[in-house]
C-alpha atoms as a PDB file:
ATOM      1  CA  MET A   1       9.422   6.008 -16.390  1.00  0.00           C
ATOM      2  CA  ILE A   2      10.040   7.993 -13.246  1.00  0.00           C
ATOM      3  CA  GLY A   3      13.154  10.099 -13.286  1.00  0.00           C
ATOM      4  CA  ARG A   4      15.837   9.205 -10.774  1.00  0.00           C
ATOM      5  CA  THR A   5      15.352  12.189  -8.514  1.00  0.00           C
ATOM      6  CA  GLY A   6      16.300  12.046  -4.868  1.00  0.00           C
ATOM      7  CA  ARG A   7      12.616  11.492  -4.080  1.00  0.00           C
ATOM      8  CA  ALA A   8      12.388   8.597  -6.542  1.00  0.00           C
ATOM      9  CA  ARG A   9      15.466   6.956  -5.046  1.00  0.00           C
ATOM     10  CA  ALA A  10      14.084   7.406  -1.521  1.00  0.00           C
ATOM     11  CA  VAL A  11      10.726   5.910  -2.540  1.00  0.00           C
ATOM     12  CA  ALA A  12      12.456   2.967  -4.234  1.00  0.00           C
ATOM     13  CA  LYS A  13      14.549   2.320  -1.124  1.00  0.00           C
ATOM     14  CA  ALA A  14      11.528   2.586   1.198  1.00  0.00           C
ATOM     15  CA  LEU A  15       9.575   0.198  -1.024  1.00  0.00           C
ATOM     16  CA  THR A  16      12.364  -2.387  -1.024  1.00  0.00           C
ATOM     17  CA  LEU A  17      12.698  -2.128   2.749  1.00  0.00           C
ATOM     18  CA  LEU A  18       8.945  -2.349   3.393  1.00  0.00           C
ATOM     19  CA  LEU A  19       8.042  -5.100   0.916  1.00  0.00           C
ATOM     20  CA  PRO A  20      11.141  -7.133   0.050  1.00  0.00           C
ATOM     21  CA  ALA A  21       9.209 -10.030  -1.517  1.00  0.00           C
ATOM     22  CA  ALA A  22       6.436  -8.169  -3.347  1.00  0.00           C
ATOM     23  CA  PRO A  23       5.972  -9.085  -7.015  1.00  0.00           C
ATOM     24  CA  TYR A  24       7.567  -6.663  -9.463  1.00  0.00           C
ATOM     25  CA  ALA A  25       4.270  -5.656 -11.096  1.00  0.00           C
ATOM     26  CA  ASP A  26       2.783  -4.754  -7.719  1.00  0.00           C
ATOM     27  CA  MET A  27       5.929  -2.891  -6.667  1.00  0.00           C
ATOM     28  CA  GLU A  28       5.810  -0.785  -9.822  1.00  0.00           C
ATOM     29  CA  LYS A  29       2.183   0.209  -9.194  1.00  0.00           C
ATOM     30  CA  ILE A  30       2.911   1.032  -5.558  1.00  0.00           C
ATOM     31  CA  ARG A  31       6.004   3.034  -6.557  1.00  0.00           C
ATOM     32  CA  ALA A  32       3.984   5.035  -9.089  1.00  0.00           C
ATOM     33  CA  ASP A  33       1.259   5.750  -6.527  1.00  0.00           C
ATOM     34  CA  ALA A  34       3.823   6.797  -3.898  1.00  0.00           C
ATOM     35  CA  MET A  35       5.250   9.289  -6.425  1.00  0.00           C
ATOM     36  CA  ARG A  36       1.911  10.934  -7.215  1.00  0.00           C
ATOM     37  CA  PRO A  37       1.751  14.679  -6.565  1.00  0.00           C
ATOM     38  CA  HIS A  38      -0.555  14.417  -3.518  1.00  0.00           C
ATOM     39  CA  MET A  39       2.038  12.194  -1.785  1.00  0.00           C
ATOM     40  CA  LYS A  40       5.015  14.530  -2.261  1.00  0.00           C
ATOM     41  CA  THR A  41       4.549  16.290   1.059  1.00  0.00           C
ATOM     42  CA  LEU A  42       4.815  12.996   2.947  1.00  0.00           C
ATOM     43  CA  PRO A  43       8.061  11.290   3.925  1.00  0.00           C
ATOM     44  CA  PRO A  44       8.893   8.583   1.351  1.00  0.00           C
ATOM     45  CA  SER A  45       8.341   5.769   3.868  1.00  0.00           C
ATOM     46  CA  THR A  46       4.861   7.082   4.693  1.00  0.00           C
ATOM     47  CA  ALA A  47       3.951   7.555   1.027  1.00  0.00           C
ATOM     48  CA  VAL A  48       5.066   3.988   0.266  1.00  0.00           C
ATOM     49  CA  TRP A  49       3.125   2.562   3.218  1.00  0.00           C
ATOM     50  CA  LEU A  50      -0.096   4.361   2.263  1.00  0.00           C
ATOM     51  CA  ALA A  51       0.301   3.419  -1.417  1.00  0.00           C
ATOM     52  CA  ALA A  52       1.037  -0.211  -0.513  1.00  0.00           C
ATOM     53  CA  VAL A  53      -1.975  -0.579   1.779  1.00  0.00           C
ATOM     54  CA  ALA A  54      -4.296   1.031  -0.769  1.00  0.00           C
ATOM     55  CA  HIS A  55      -2.930  -1.137  -3.577  1.00  0.00           C
ATOM     56  CA  VAL A  56      -3.278  -4.366  -1.614  1.00  0.00           C
ATOM     57  CA  ARG A  57      -6.746  -3.413  -0.416  1.00  0.00           C
ATOM     58  CA  HIS A  58      -8.027  -2.600  -3.901  1.00  0.00           C
ATOM     59  CA  GLU A  59      -6.216  -5.277  -5.906  1.00  0.00           C
ATOM     60  CA  HIS A  60      -5.823  -8.269  -3.588  1.00  0.00           C
ATOM     61  CA  THR A  61      -8.848  -8.313  -1.255  1.00  0.00           C
ATOM     62  CA  GLY A  62     -12.627  -8.277  -1.424  1.00  0.00           C
ATOM     63  CA  TYR A  63     -12.722  -4.546  -0.609  1.00  0.00           C
ATOM     64  CA  GLU A  64     -14.265  -3.436  -3.904  1.00  0.00           C
ATOM     65  CA  ALA A  65     -16.949  -6.141  -3.675  1.00  0.00           C
ATOM     66  CA  LEU A  66     -17.876  -4.948  -0.183  1.00  0.00           C
ATOM     67  CA  LEU A  67     -18.212  -1.381  -1.448  1.00  0.00           C
ATOM     68  CA  ASP A  68     -20.376  -2.653  -4.318  1.00  0.00           C
ATOM     69  CA  GLU A  69     -22.588  -4.403  -1.743  1.00  0.00           C
ATOM     70  CA  GLY A  70     -23.178  -1.079   0.011  1.00  0.00           C
ATOM     71  CA  TYR A  71     -20.676  -1.172   2.854  1.00  0.00           C
ATOM     72  CA  ASP A  72     -19.155   2.175   3.764  1.00  0.00           C
ATOM     73  CA  ARG A  73     -15.368   2.571   3.386  1.00  0.00           C
ATOM     74  CA  ASP A  74     -14.546   2.161   7.066  1.00  0.00           C
ATOM     75  CA  SER A  75     -16.606  -1.018   7.403  1.00  0.00           C
ATOM     76  CA  ALA A  76     -15.167  -2.483   4.200  1.00  0.00           C
ATOM     77  CA  ARG A  77     -11.641  -1.675   5.385  1.00  0.00           C
ATOM     78  CA  PHE A  78     -12.349  -3.386   8.697  1.00  0.00           C
ATOM     79  CA  PHE A  79     -13.597  -6.550   7.007  1.00  0.00           C
ATOM     80  CA  VAL A  80     -10.538  -6.885   4.731  1.00  0.00           C
ATOM     81  CA  ILE A  81      -7.839  -6.168   7.308  1.00  0.00           C
ATOM     82  CA  ASP A  82      -6.950  -9.856   7.707  1.00  0.00           C
ATOM     83  CA  GLU A  83      -6.794 -10.348   3.917  1.00  0.00           C
ATOM     84  CA  THR A  84      -4.626  -7.239   3.618  1.00  0.00           C
ATOM     85  CA  ASN A  85      -2.254  -8.407   6.331  1.00  0.00           C
ATOM     86  CA  ALA A  86      -2.057 -11.882   4.743  1.00  0.00           C
ATOM     87  CA  VAL A  87      -0.828 -10.346   1.483  1.00  0.00           C
ATOM     88  CA  LEU A  88       1.599  -8.078   3.318  1.00  0.00           C
ATOM     89  CA  THR A  89       2.904 -11.105   5.215  1.00  0.00           C
ATOM     90  CA  ARG A  90       3.431 -13.068   1.970  1.00  0.00           C
ATOM     91  CA  TRP A  91       5.404 -10.096   0.691  1.00  0.00           C
ATOM     92  CA  ARG A  92       7.466 -10.162   3.922  1.00  0.00           C
ATOM     93  CA  ALA A  93       6.318  -6.678   4.900  1.00  0.00           C
ATOM     94  CA  THR A  94       8.117  -5.091   7.811  1.00  0.00           C
ATOM     95  CA  ARG A  95       4.824  -3.597   8.987  1.00  0.00           C
ATOM     96  CA  LEU A  96       1.208  -4.762   9.145  1.00  0.00           C
ATOM     97  CA  LEU A  97      -2.104  -3.030   9.700  1.00  0.00           C
ATOM     98  CA  ASP A  98      -3.257  -2.822  13.298  1.00  0.00           C
ATOM     99  CA  PRO A  99      -7.053  -3.056  13.540  1.00  0.00           C
ATOM    100  CA  ASP A 100      -6.981  -0.685  16.518  1.00  0.00           C
ATOM    101  CA  ASP A 101      -5.144   2.106  14.649  1.00  0.00           C
ATOM    102  CA  GLU A 102      -6.744   4.796  12.590  1.00  0.00           C
ATOM    103  CA  GLU A 103      -5.198   5.198   9.144  1.00  0.00           C
END
Protein backbone atom coordinates (compact mmCIF):
# COMPACT_ATOMS: atom_id res chain seq x y z
CA MET A 1 0.00 0.00 0.00
CA ILE A 2 1.33 3.40 -0.94
CA GLY A 3 1.60 5.84 1.90
CA ARG A 4 -0.58 8.93 1.68
CA THR A 5 2.19 11.39 0.96
CA GLY A 6 1.51 14.61 -0.88
CA ARG A 7 2.86 12.94 -4.02
CA ALA A 8 0.52 9.96 -3.60
CA ARG A 9 -2.47 12.25 -3.16
CA ALA A 10 -1.47 14.28 -6.23
CA VAL A 11 -1.06 11.11 -8.31
CA ALA A 12 -4.44 9.79 -7.12
CA LYS A 13 -6.12 13.08 -8.03
CA ALA A 14 -4.43 13.22 -11.45
CA LEU A 15 -5.46 9.62 -12.14
CA THR A 16 -9.10 10.30 -11.24
CA LEU A 17 -9.13 13.41 -13.42
CA LEU A 18 -7.45 11.71 -16.39
CA LEU A 19 -9.32 8.39 -16.35
CA PRO A 20 -12.62 8.78 -14.48
CA ALA A 21 -14.12 5.51 -15.77
CA ALA A 22 -11.07 3.22 -15.72
CA PRO A 23 -11.55 -0.11 -13.94
CA TYR A 24 -10.19 -0.22 -10.39
CA ALA A 25 -7.63 -2.95 -11.12
CA ASP A 26 -6.19 -0.93 -14.00
CA MET A 27 -6.18 2.27 -11.94
CA GLU A 28 -4.22 0.56 -9.18
CA LYS A 29 -1.56 -0.66 -11.62
CA ILE A 30 -1.30 2.76 -13.24
CA ARG A 31 -1.09 4.44 -9.81
CA ALA A 32 1.71 2.09 -8.75
CA ASP A 33 3.64 2.74 -11.97
CA ALA A 34 3.19 6.51 -11.64
CA MET A 35 4.69 6.28 -8.12
CA ARG A 36 7.81 4.38 -9.20
CA PRO A 37 11.11 6.07 -8.38
CA HIS A 38 11.97 6.97 -12.00
CA MET A 39 8.71 8.97 -12.24
CA LYS A 40 9.25 11.09 -9.12
CA THR A 41 10.93 13.93 -10.97
CA LEU A 42 7.90 14.36 -13.24
CA PRO A 43 4.78 16.33 -12.37
CA PRO A 44 2.08 13.93 -11.11
CA SER A 45 -0.14 14.53 -14.15
CA THR A 46 2.72 13.65 -16.51
CA ALA A 47 3.67 10.55 -14.52
CA VAL A 48 0.04 9.37 -14.58
CA TRP A 49 -0.29 10.01 -18.32
CA LEU A 50 2.91 8.10 -19.16
CA ALA A 51 1.98 5.23 -16.82
CA ALA A 52 -1.55 5.07 -18.25
CA VAL A 53 -0.41 4.97 -21.87
CA ALA A 54 2.20 2.31 -21.14
CA HIS A 55 -0.29 0.22 -19.17
CA VAL A 56 -2.96 0.38 -21.87
CA ARG A 57 -0.42 -0.34 -24.60
CA HIS A 58 1.00 -3.39 -22.85
CA GLU A 59 -2.17 -4.81 -21.31
CA HIS A 60 -5.01 -3.88 -23.66
CA THR A 61 -3.59 -3.84 -27.21
CA GLY A 62 -1.66 -6.08 -29.57
CA TYR A 63 1.59 -4.23 -28.82
CA GLU A 64 3.40 -7.19 -27.26
CA ALA A 65 2.40 -9.46 -30.16
CA LEU A 66 3.82 -6.95 -32.64
CA LEU A 67 7.10 -6.85 -30.73
CA ASP A 68 7.15 -10.66 -30.72
CA GLU A 69 6.69 -10.58 -34.51
CA GLY A 70 9.82 -8.44 -34.85
CA TYR A 71 8.42 -4.93 -35.11
CA ASP A 72 10.53 -2.23 -33.49
CA ARG A 73 8.98 -0.25 -30.61
CA ASP A 74 8.13 2.83 -32.64
CA SER A 75 6.41 0.83 -35.37
CA ALA A 76 4.49 -1.28 -32.85
CA ARG A 77 3.40 1.87 -31.01
CA PHE A 78 2.19 3.37 -34.28
CA PHE A 79 0.12 0.31 -35.14
CA VAL A 80 -1.65 0.20 -31.75
CA ILE A 81 -2.44 3.90 -31.41
CA ASP A 82 -6.09 3.43 -32.43
CA GLU A 83 -6.50 0.50 -30.01
CA THR A 84 -4.89 2.56 -27.25
CA ASN A 85 -7.15 5.53 -27.90
CA ALA A 86 -10.22 3.25 -27.99
CA VAL A 87 -9.43 2.02 -24.47
CA LEU A 88 -8.73 5.55 -23.26
CA THR A 89 -12.04 6.66 -24.75
CA ARG A 90 -13.93 3.84 -22.98
CA TRP A 91 -12.32 5.01 -19.76
CA ARG A 92 -13.48 8.58 -20.55
CA ALA A 93 -9.92 9.87 -20.69
CA THR A 94 -9.52 13.62 -20.85
CA ARG A 95 -6.60 13.17 -23.25
CA LEU A 96 -5.80 10.85 -26.15
CA LEU A 97 -2.65 10.01 -28.07
CA ASP A 98 -1.98 12.14 -31.13
CA PRO A 99 -0.29 10.10 -33.87
CA ASP A 100 1.66 13.20 -34.92
CA ASP A 101 3.20 13.79 -31.47
CA GLU A 102 6.37 12.28 -30.19
CA GLU A 103 6.03 10.70 -26.75
